[in-house]
Amino acid sequence: MDRLVGADEQCRSAGRAEEAGLARDITAIKIGDCLLGYKSVQRRMRGGRWDHFRGRMREIEKLIRHRHGEIVPEADDALIYVEVIASLAFVEFGEGFVEVVLGWAARWLPWAGKAAIEEVIYERTKLRFSPLSADALAHALHLSYAERSTLGIRTIGAFDVPKAKREKLQKAKRRQRDRCRKEEQRRGAGAISRADYLANAFSQTRPWQAFGISRRTWERRGKPMPDGAPISLAA
């Protein structure tokens, strides 16, 4: 049985839930005009900065695994990943971002000295960072559209294809998927494709024989039809 809570407790509980990334559906319990309390059902909030931050973290780690494996190799540009994570974490956690970055770097760049990581962290604290745009993040990580598509990355843009063009490409992909789905539905219902229909129609009538040529030659010439013998090609 759902527990009833008073109005004051309901407000305090809702505040704690919001801080934890949760939300509550509240239903007032009444008898006539008498308010007895509230029935509270807790649910996970959708969206929100925390979910977006974790989503970007997961996609950056997916990119690292694709490029390098389980550990970022020691290289001149390796610390760019730490810089990106530090920027994201600084916006997300404020002063508490230091431990997040140190822990993340220990997992993915275990060879990097603490002094090098702390230098990156120090650089992040010199300026107040606003959230990085998807394309700014893509430029920092040098993420191409091809790599983005291969990995199924959604929260990071592409350095070589601007957002407007990506949206057009995405719409074209959706239209193609819709066409393929509808075609499969038609095939499942027993319909034949137009190409098969035309092939069968020409096989029965053999219009190339009227010209004394082969079918391939007839097709190369644009599939002319003999005079006085029109063929309906309607699907």
C-alpha atoms as a PDB file:
ATOM      1  CA  MET A   1       0.000   0.000   0.000  1.00  0.00           C
ATOM      2  CA  ASP A   2       1.339   3.442  -0.913  1.00  0.00           C
ATOM      3  CA  ARG A   3       2.279   5.526   2.119  1.00  0.00           C
ATOM      4  CA  LEU A   4       0.495   8.831   2.643  1.00  0.00           C
ATOM      5  CA  VAL A   5       2.675  11.831   3.411  1.00  0.00           C
ATOM      6  CA  GLY A   6       1.762  15.237   4.750  1.00  0.00           C
ATOM      7  CA  ALA A   7       2.071  18.406   2.735  1.00  0.00           C
ATOM      8  CA  ASP A   8       5.284  19.557   4.474  1.00  0.00           C
ATOM      9  CA  GLU A   9       6.962  16.192   4.111  1.00  0.00           C
ATOM     10  CA  GLN A  10       5.875  16.019   0.502  1.00  0.00           C
ATOM     11  CA  CYS A  11       7.612  19.324  -0.310  1.00  0.00           C
ATOM     12  CA  ARG A  12      10.835  18.316   1.425  1.00  0.00           C
ATOM     13  CA  SER A  13      10.834  14.903  -0.255  1.00  0.00           C
ATOM     14  CA  ALA A  14      10.248  16.426  -3.684  1.00  0.00           C
ATOM     15  CA  GLY A  15      13.207  18.732  -3.180  1.00  0.00           C
ATOM     16  CA  ARG A  16      15.517  15.870  -2.232  1.00  0.00           C
ATOM     17  CA  ALA A  17      14.316  13.842  -5.194  1.00  0.00           C
ATOM     18  CA  GLU A  18      15.000  16.696  -7.595  1.00  0.00           C
ATOM     19  CA  GLU A  19      18.560  17.016  -6.307  1.00  0.00           C
ATOM     20  CA  ALA A  20      19.069  13.279  -6.849  1.00  0.00           C
ATOM     21  CA  GLY A  21      17.823  13.425 -10.437  1.00  0.00           C
ATOM     22  CA  LEU A  22      14.443  11.952  -9.538  1.00  0.00           C
ATOM     23  CA  ALA A  23      10.895  13.267  -9.818  1.00  0.00           C
ATOM     24  CA  ARG A  24       7.691  12.418  -8.006  1.00  0.00           C
ATOM     25  CA  ASP A  25       4.161  12.067  -9.278  1.00  0.00           C
ATOM     26  CA  ILE A  26       1.968  13.426  -6.495  1.00  0.00           C
ATOM     27  CA  THR A  27      -1.706  12.548  -6.057  1.00  0.00           C
ATOM     28  CA  ALA A  28      -3.791  14.302  -3.428  1.00  0.00           C
ATOM     29  CA  ILE A  29      -5.877  11.972  -1.215  1.00  0.00           C
ATOM     30  CA  LYS A  30      -9.178  13.520  -0.142  1.00  0.00           C
ATOM     31  CA  ILE A  31     -12.450  12.547   1.504  1.00  0.00           C
ATOM     32  CA  GLY A  32     -14.915  15.164   0.405  1.00  0.00           C
ATOM     33  CA  ASP A  33     -13.180  18.507   0.952  1.00  0.00           C
ATOM     34  CA  CYS A  34     -10.857  17.117   3.626  1.00  0.00           C
ATOM     35  CA  LEU A  35      -7.231  16.724   2.501  1.00  0.00           C
ATOM     36  CA  LEU A  36      -5.718  13.652   4.144  1.00  0.00           C
ATOM     37  CA  GLY A  37      -2.309  13.791   2.467  1.00  0.00           C
ATOM     38  CA  TYR A  38      -0.521  12.866  -0.736  1.00  0.00           C
ATOM     39  CA  LYS A  39       0.327   9.595  -2.446  1.00  0.00           C
ATOM     40  CA  SER A  40       3.861   9.903  -3.821  1.00  0.00           C
ATOM     41  CA  VAL A  41       5.291   7.762  -6.622  1.00  0.00           C
ATOM     42  CA  GLN A  42       8.971   8.255  -7.422  1.00  0.00           C
ATOM     43  CA  ARG A  43      10.258   8.012 -10.984  1.00  0.00           C
ATOM     44  CA  ARG A  44      13.505   8.748 -12.773  1.00  0.00           C
ATOM     45  CA  MET A  45      13.594  12.176 -14.415  1.00  0.00           C
ATOM     46  CA  ARG A  46      14.247  12.213 -18.151  1.00  0.00           C
ATOM     47  CA  GLY A  47      16.886  14.457 -19.661  1.00  0.00           C
ATOM     48  CA  GLY A  48      18.620  16.898 -17.375  1.00  0.00           C
ATOM     49  CA  ARG A  49      22.241  17.975 -17.249  1.00  0.00           C
ATOM     50  CA  TRP A  50      23.422  14.912 -15.350  1.00  0.00           C
ATOM     51  CA  ASP A  51      22.116  12.472 -17.915  1.00  0.00           C
ATOM     52  CA  HIS A  52      23.563  14.566 -20.736  1.00  0.00           C
ATOM     53  CA  PHE A  53      26.957  14.690 -19.028  1.00  0.00           C
ATOM     54  CA  ARG A  54      27.022  10.931 -18.487  1.00  0.00           C
ATOM     55  CA  GLY A  55      25.912  10.381 -22.080  1.00  0.00           C
ATOM     56  CA  ARG A  56      28.810  12.435 -23.394  1.00  0.00           C
ATOM     57  CA  MET A  57      31.223  10.648 -21.056  1.00  0.00           C
ATOM     58  CA  ARG A  58      30.075   7.281 -22.396  1.00  0.00           C
ATOM     59  CA  GLU A  59      30.424   8.426 -26.002  1.00  0.00           C
ATOM     60  CA  ILE A  60      33.914   9.835 -25.415  1.00  0.00           C
ATOM     61  CA  GLU A  61      34.918   6.515 -23.862  1.00  0.00           C
ATOM     62  CA  LYS A  62      33.392   4.677 -26.839  1.00  0.00           C
ATOM     63  CA  LEU A  63      35.495   6.857 -29.127  1.00  0.00           C
ATOM     64  CA  ILE A  64      38.636   6.084 -27.096  1.00  0.00           C
ATOM     65  CA  ARG A  65      37.982   2.342 -27.280  1.00  0.00           C
ATOM     66  CA  HIS A  66      37.445   2.580 -31.033  1.00  0.00           C
ATOM     67  CA  ARG A  67      40.645   4.531 -31.584  1.00  0.00           C
ATOM     68  CA  HIS A  68      42.992   3.157 -28.945  1.00  0.00           C
ATOM     69  CA  GLY A  69      41.535   0.238 -27.006  1.00  0.00           C
ATOM     70  CA  GLU A  70      41.167   0.164 -23.239  1.00  0.00           C
ATOM     71  CA  ILE A  71      43.916   2.730 -22.552  1.00  0.00           C
ATOM     72  CA  VAL A  72      44.847   5.966 -24.308  1.00  0.00           C
ATOM     73  CA  PRO A  73      48.451   5.470 -25.485  1.00  0.00           C
ATOM     74  CA  GLU A  74      51.135   7.923 -24.472  1.00  0.00           C
ATOM     75  CA  ALA A  75      51.367  10.586 -27.169  1.00  0.00           C
ATOM     76  CA  ASP A  76      51.701  14.336 -27.584  1.00  0.00           C
ATOM     77  CA  ASP A  77      47.952  14.854 -28.059  1.00  0.00           C
ATOM     78  CA  ALA A  78      46.742  12.268 -25.526  1.00  0.00           C
ATOM     79  CA  LEU A  79      45.891  14.852 -22.877  1.00  0.00           C
ATOM     80  CA  ILE A  80      43.234  16.373 -25.144  1.00  0.00           C
ATOM     81  CA  TYR A  81      40.842  13.777 -23.735  1.00  0.00           C
ATOM     82  CA  VAL A  82      41.599  14.979 -20.209  1.00  0.00           C
ATOM     83  CA  GLU A  83      41.066  18.592 -21.278  1.00  0.00           C
ATOM     84  CA  VAL A  84      37.659  17.753 -22.720  1.00  0.00           C
ATOM     85  CA  ILE A  85      36.572  15.758 -19.665  1.00  0.00           C
ATOM     86  CA  ALA A  86      37.854  18.516 -17.373  1.00  0.00           C
ATOM     87  CA  SER A  87      35.841  21.138 -19.273  1.00  0.00           C
ATOM     88  CA  LEU A  88      32.663  19.066 -19.107  1.00  0.00           C
ATOM     89  CA  ALA A  89      33.155  18.158 -15.444  1.00  0.00           C
ATOM     90  CA  PHE A  90      33.978  21.737 -14.439  1.00  0.00           C
ATOM     91  CA  VAL A  91      30.653  22.941 -15.847  1.00  0.00           C
ATOM     92  CA  GLU A  92      28.778  20.004 -14.324  1.00  0.00           C
ATOM     93  CA  PHE A  93      30.271  19.804 -10.828  1.00  0.00           C
ATOM     94  CA  GLY A  94      31.926  23.164 -10.180  1.00  0.00           C
ATOM     95  CA  GLU A  95      34.589  22.903  -7.493  1.00  0.00           C
ATOM     96  CA  GLY A  96      33.939  19.198  -7.111  1.00  0.00           C
ATOM     97  CA  PHE A  97      35.160  18.429 -10.613  1.00  0.00           C
ATOM     98  CA  VAL A  98      38.789  17.797  -9.544  1.00  0.00           C
ATOM     99  CA  GLU A  99      38.205  14.312  -8.117  1.00  0.00           C
ATOM    100  CA  VAL A 100      36.084  13.369 -11.132  1.00  0.00           C
ATOM    101  CA  VAL A 101      38.888  14.261 -13.542  1.00  0.00           C
ATOM    102  CA  LEU A 102      41.607  12.593 -11.467  1.00  0.00           C
ATOM    103  CA  GLY A 103      39.587   9.386 -11.214  1.00  0.00           C
ATOM    104  CA  TRP A 104      38.758   9.363 -14.901  1.00  0.00           C
ATOM    105  CA  ALA A 105      42.374  10.003 -15.931  1.00  0.00           C
ATOM    106  CA  ALA A 106      43.632   7.222 -13.641  1.00  0.00           C
ATOM    107  CA  ARG A 107      41.385   4.796 -15.530  1.00  0.00           C
ATOM    108  CA  TRP A 108      42.057   5.886 -19.129  1.00  0.00           C
ATOM    109  CA  LEU A 109      45.565   7.404 -18.933  1.00  0.00           C
ATOM    110  CA  PRO A 110      47.259   5.453 -16.123  1.00  0.00           C
ATOM    111  CA  TRP A 111      50.696   6.361 -17.477  1.00  0.00           C
ATOM    112  CA  ALA A 112      50.074  10.106 -17.078  1.00  0.00           C
ATOM    113  CA  GLY A 113      51.661  11.654 -14.001  1.00  0.00           C
ATOM    114  CA  LYS A 114      49.426  13.357 -11.476  1.00  0.00           C
ATOM    115  CA  ALA A 115      51.291  16.633 -12.023  1.00  0.00           C
ATOM    116  CA  ALA A 116      50.349  16.647 -15.725  1.00  0.00           C
ATOM    117  CA  ILE A 117      46.680  15.986 -14.917  1.00  0.00           C
ATOM    118  CA  GLU A 118      46.651  18.668 -12.222  1.00  0.00           C
ATOM    119  CA  GLU A 119      48.112  21.145 -14.701  1.00  0.00           C
ATOM    120  CA  VAL A 120      45.187  20.496 -17.034  1.00  0.00           C
ATOM    121  CA  ILE A 121      42.796  20.893 -14.100  1.00  0.00           C
ATOM    122  CA  TYR A 122      44.455  24.165 -13.133  1.00  0.00           C
ATOM    123  CA  GLU A 123      44.027  25.496 -16.658  1.00  0.00           C
ATOM    124  CA  ARG A 124      40.313  24.713 -16.495  1.00  0.00           C
ATOM    125  CA  THR A 125      39.891  26.815 -13.359  1.00  0.00           C
ATOM    126  CA  LYS A 126      41.398  29.957 -14.890  1.00  0.00           C
ATOM    127  CA  LEU A 127      38.220  30.727 -16.842  1.00  0.00           C
ATOM    128  CA  ARG A 128      34.506  30.179 -16.288  1.00  0.00           C
ATOM    129  CA  PHE A 129      33.509  27.643 -18.906  1.00  0.00           C
ATOM    130  CA  SER A 130      30.078  27.478 -20.461  1.00  0.00           C
ATOM    131  CA  PRO A 131      28.839  24.113 -21.737  1.00  0.00           C
ATOM    132  CA  LEU A 132      30.657  23.017 -24.893  1.00  0.00           C
ATOM    133  CA  SER A 133      28.535  22.853 -28.025  1.00  0.00           C
ATOM    134  CA  ALA A 134      28.356  19.551 -29.878  1.00  0.00           C
ATOM    135  CA  ASP A 135      30.487  20.896 -32.741  1.00  0.00           C
ATOM    136  CA  ALA A 136      33.051  22.520 -30.434  1.00  0.00           C
ATOM    137  CA  LEU A 137      33.480  19.175 -28.706  1.00  0.00           C
ATOM    138  CA  ALA A 138      33.839  17.451 -32.088  1.00  0.00           C
ATOM    139  CA  HIS A 139      36.572  19.877 -33.141  1.00  0.00           C
ATOM    140  CA  ALA A 140      38.449  19.300 -29.874  1.00  0.00           C
ATOM    141  CA  LEU A 141      38.268  15.509 -30.357  1.00  0.00           C
ATOM    142  CA  HIS A 142      38.709  15.728 -34.165  1.00  0.00           C
ATOM    143  CA  LEU A 143      35.623  13.559 -34.580  1.00  0.00           C
ATOM    144  CA  SER A 144      34.656  13.122 -38.237  1.00  0.00           C
ATOM    145  CA  TYR A 145      31.155  12.522 -39.533  1.00  0.00           C
ATOM    146  CA  ALA A 146      32.153   9.066 -40.790  1.00  0.00           C
ATOM    147  CA  GLU A 147      33.542   8.086 -37.389  1.00  0.00           C
ATOM    148  CA  ARG A 148      30.495   9.563 -35.673  1.00  0.00           C
ATOM    149  CA  SER A 149      28.140   7.529 -37.868  1.00  0.00           C
ATOM    150  CA  THR A 150      30.133   4.324 -37.444  1.00  0.00           C
ATOM    151  CA  LEU A 151      30.028   4.572 -33.643  1.00  0.00           C
ATOM    152  CA  GLY A 152      26.452   5.821 -33.406  1.00  0.00           C
ATOM    153  CA  ILE A 153      27.486   8.960 -31.505  1.00  0.00           C
ATOM    154  CA  ARG A 154      24.646  11.421 -30.911  1.00  0.00           C
ATOM    155  CA  THR A 155      25.698  14.028 -28.324  1.00  0.00           C
ATOM    156  CA  ILE A 156      28.871  15.132 -30.144  1.00  0.00           C
ATOM    157  CA  GLY A 157      28.927  16.822 -33.547  1.00  0.00           C
ATOM    158  CA  ALA A 158      31.405  16.425 -36.407  1.00  0.00           C
ATOM    159  CA  PHE A 159      34.300  18.699 -37.300  1.00  0.00           C
ATOM    160  CA  ASP A 160      33.898  18.149 -41.051  1.00  0.00           C
ATOM    161  CA  VAL A 161      30.091  18.340 -41.456  1.00  0.00           C
ATOM    162  CA  PRO A 162      28.176  21.292 -39.940  1.00  0.00           C
ATOM    163  CA  LYS A 163      25.001  20.776 -37.938  1.00  0.00           C
ATOM    164  CA  ALA A 164      22.637  21.992 -40.679  1.00  0.00           C
ATOM    165  CA  LYS A 165      24.050  19.507 -43.189  1.00  0.00           C
ATOM    166  CA  ARG A 166      23.980  16.688 -40.610  1.00  0.00           C
ATOM    167  CA  GLU A 167      20.286  17.335 -40.068  1.00  0.00           C
ATOM    168  CA  LYS A 168      19.638  17.115 -43.823  1.00  0.00           C
ATOM    169  CA  LEU A 169      21.587  13.856 -44.056  1.00  0.00           C
ATOM    170  CA  GLN A 170      19.671  12.467 -41.083  1.00  0.00           C
ATOM    171  CA  LYS A 171      16.344  13.334 -42.719  1.00  0.00           C
ATOM    172  CA  ALA A 172      17.466  11.624 -45.924  1.00  0.00           C
ATOM    173  CA  LYS A 173      18.404   8.509 -43.944  1.00  0.00           C
ATOM    174  CA  ARG A 174      15.016   8.498 -42.228  1.00  0.00           C
ATOM    175  CA  ARG A 175      13.240   8.788 -45.591  1.00  0.00           C
ATOM    176  CA  GLN A 176      15.295   5.909 -46.963  1.00  0.00           C
ATOM    177  CA  ARG A 177      14.478   3.768 -43.913  1.00  0.00           C
ATOM    178  CA  ASP A 178      10.794   4.591 -44.332  1.00  0.00           C
ATOM    179  CA  ARG A 179      10.892   3.613 -47.997  1.00  0.00           C
ATOM    180  CA  CYS A 180      12.633   0.343 -47.191  1.00  0.00           C
ATOM    181  CA  ARG A 181      10.139  -0.433 -44.428  1.00  0.00           C
ATOM    182  CA  LYS A 182       7.170   0.269 -46.698  1.00  0.00           C
ATOM    183  CA  GLU A 183       8.735  -1.823 -49.463  1.00  0.00           C
ATOM    184  CA  GLU A 184       9.139  -4.739 -47.043  1.00  0.00           C
ATOM    185  CA  GLN A 185       5.514  -4.345 -45.995  1.00  0.00           C
ATOM    186  CA  ARG A 186       4.386  -4.451 -49.629  1.00  0.00           C
ATOM    187  CA  ARG A 187       6.512  -7.524 -50.312  1.00  0.00           C
ATOM    188  CA  GLY A 188       5.066  -9.159 -47.211  1.00  0.00           C
ATOM    189  CA  ALA A 189       1.577  -8.487 -48.548  1.00  0.00           C
ATOM    190  CA  GLY A 190       2.457 -10.319 -51.769  1.00  0.00           C
ATOM    191  CA  ALA A 191       3.144  -7.372 -54.087  1.00  0.00           C
ATOM    192  CA  ILE A 192       5.992  -7.602 -56.588  1.00  0.00           C
ATOM    193  CA  SER A 193       8.500  -4.866 -57.295  1.00  0.00           C
ATOM    194  CA  ARG A 194       8.132  -2.649 -60.367  1.00  0.00           C
ATOM    195  CA  ALA A 195      11.441  -3.947 -61.717  1.00  0.00           C
ATOM    196  CA  ASP A 196      10.168  -7.537 -61.532  1.00  0.00           C
ATOM    197  CA  TYR A 197       6.867  -6.510 -63.080  1.00  0.00           C
ATOM    198  CA  LEU A 198       8.538  -4.815 -66.047  1.00  0.00           C
ATOM    199  CA  ALA A 199      10.972  -7.707 -66.495  1.00  0.00           C
ATOM    200  CA  ASN A 200       8.099 -10.182 -66.649  1.00  0.00           C
ATOM    201  CA  ALA A 201       6.080  -7.964 -68.995  1.00  0.00           C
ATOM    202  CA  PHE A 202       8.969  -7.638 -71.472  1.00  0.00           C
ATOM    203  CA  SER A 203       9.769 -11.349 -71.213  1.00  0.00           C
ATOM    204  CA  GLN A 204       6.241 -12.171 -72.327  1.00  0.00           C
ATOM    205  CA  THR A 205       5.990  -9.654 -75.196  1.00  0.00           C
ATOM    206  CA  ARG A 206       9.654  -9.677 -76.360  1.00  0.00           C
ATOM    207  CA  PRO A 207       9.503  -6.276 -78.143  1.00  0.00           C
ATOM    208  CA  TRP A 208      13.159  -6.517 -79.218  1.00  0.00           C
ATOM    209  CA  GLN A 209      12.272  -9.343 -81.613  1.00  0.00           C
ATOM    210  CA  ALA A 210      10.312  -6.860 -83.755  1.00  0.00           C
ATOM    211  CA  PHE A 211      13.599  -5.043 -84.426  1.00  0.00           C
ATOM    212  CA  GLY A 212      15.599  -8.210 -84.986  1.00  0.00           C
ATOM    213  CA  ILE A 213      18.026  -7.408 -82.169  1.00  0.00           C
ATOM    214  CA  SER A 214      18.949  -8.923 -78.817  1.00  0.00           C
ATOM    215  CA  ARG A 215      17.336  -7.800 -75.583  1.00  0.00           C
ATOM    216  CA  ARG A 216      20.579  -6.247 -74.316  1.00  0.00           C
ATOM    217  CA  THR A 217      20.957  -4.194 -77.523  1.00  0.00           C
ATOM    218  CA  TRP A 218      17.295  -3.179 -77.228  1.00  0.00           C
ATOM    219  CA  GLU A 219      17.876  -2.012 -73.648  1.00  0.00           C
ATOM    220  CA  ARG A 220      20.984  -0.032 -74.682  1.00  0.00           C
ATOM    221  CA  ARG A 221      18.899   1.746 -77.341  1.00  0.00           C
ATOM    222  CA  GLY A 222      16.438   2.980 -74.741  1.00  0.00           C
ATOM    223  CA  LYS A 223      13.853   0.148 -74.956  1.00  0.00           C
ATOM    224  CA  PRO A 224      12.010   1.390 -78.091  1.00  0.00           C
ATOM    225  CA  MET A 225       8.568  -0.085 -78.709  1.00  0.00           C
ATOM    226  CA  PRO A 226       7.487  -1.343 -82.155  1.00  0.00           C
ATOM    227  CA  ASP A 227       4.941   0.835 -83.999  1.00  0.00           C
ATOM    228  CA  GLY A 228       1.390  -0.305 -83.638  1.00  0.00           C
ATOM    229  CA  ALA A 229       2.182  -2.537 -80.679  1.00  0.00           C
ATOM    230  CA  PRO A 230       2.085  -0.378 -77.517  1.00  0.00           C
ATOM    231  CA  ILE A 231       2.638  -2.088 -74.210  1.00  0.00           C
ATOM    232  CA  SER A 232       1.086  -0.851 -70.992  1.00  0.00           C
ATOM    233  CA  LEU A 233       3.716  -0.597 -68.288  1.00  0.00           C
ATOM    234  CA  ALA A 234       1.472   0.613 -65.472  1.00  0.00           C
ATOM    235  CA  ALA A 235       2.214  -1.032 -62.132  1.00  0.00           C
END
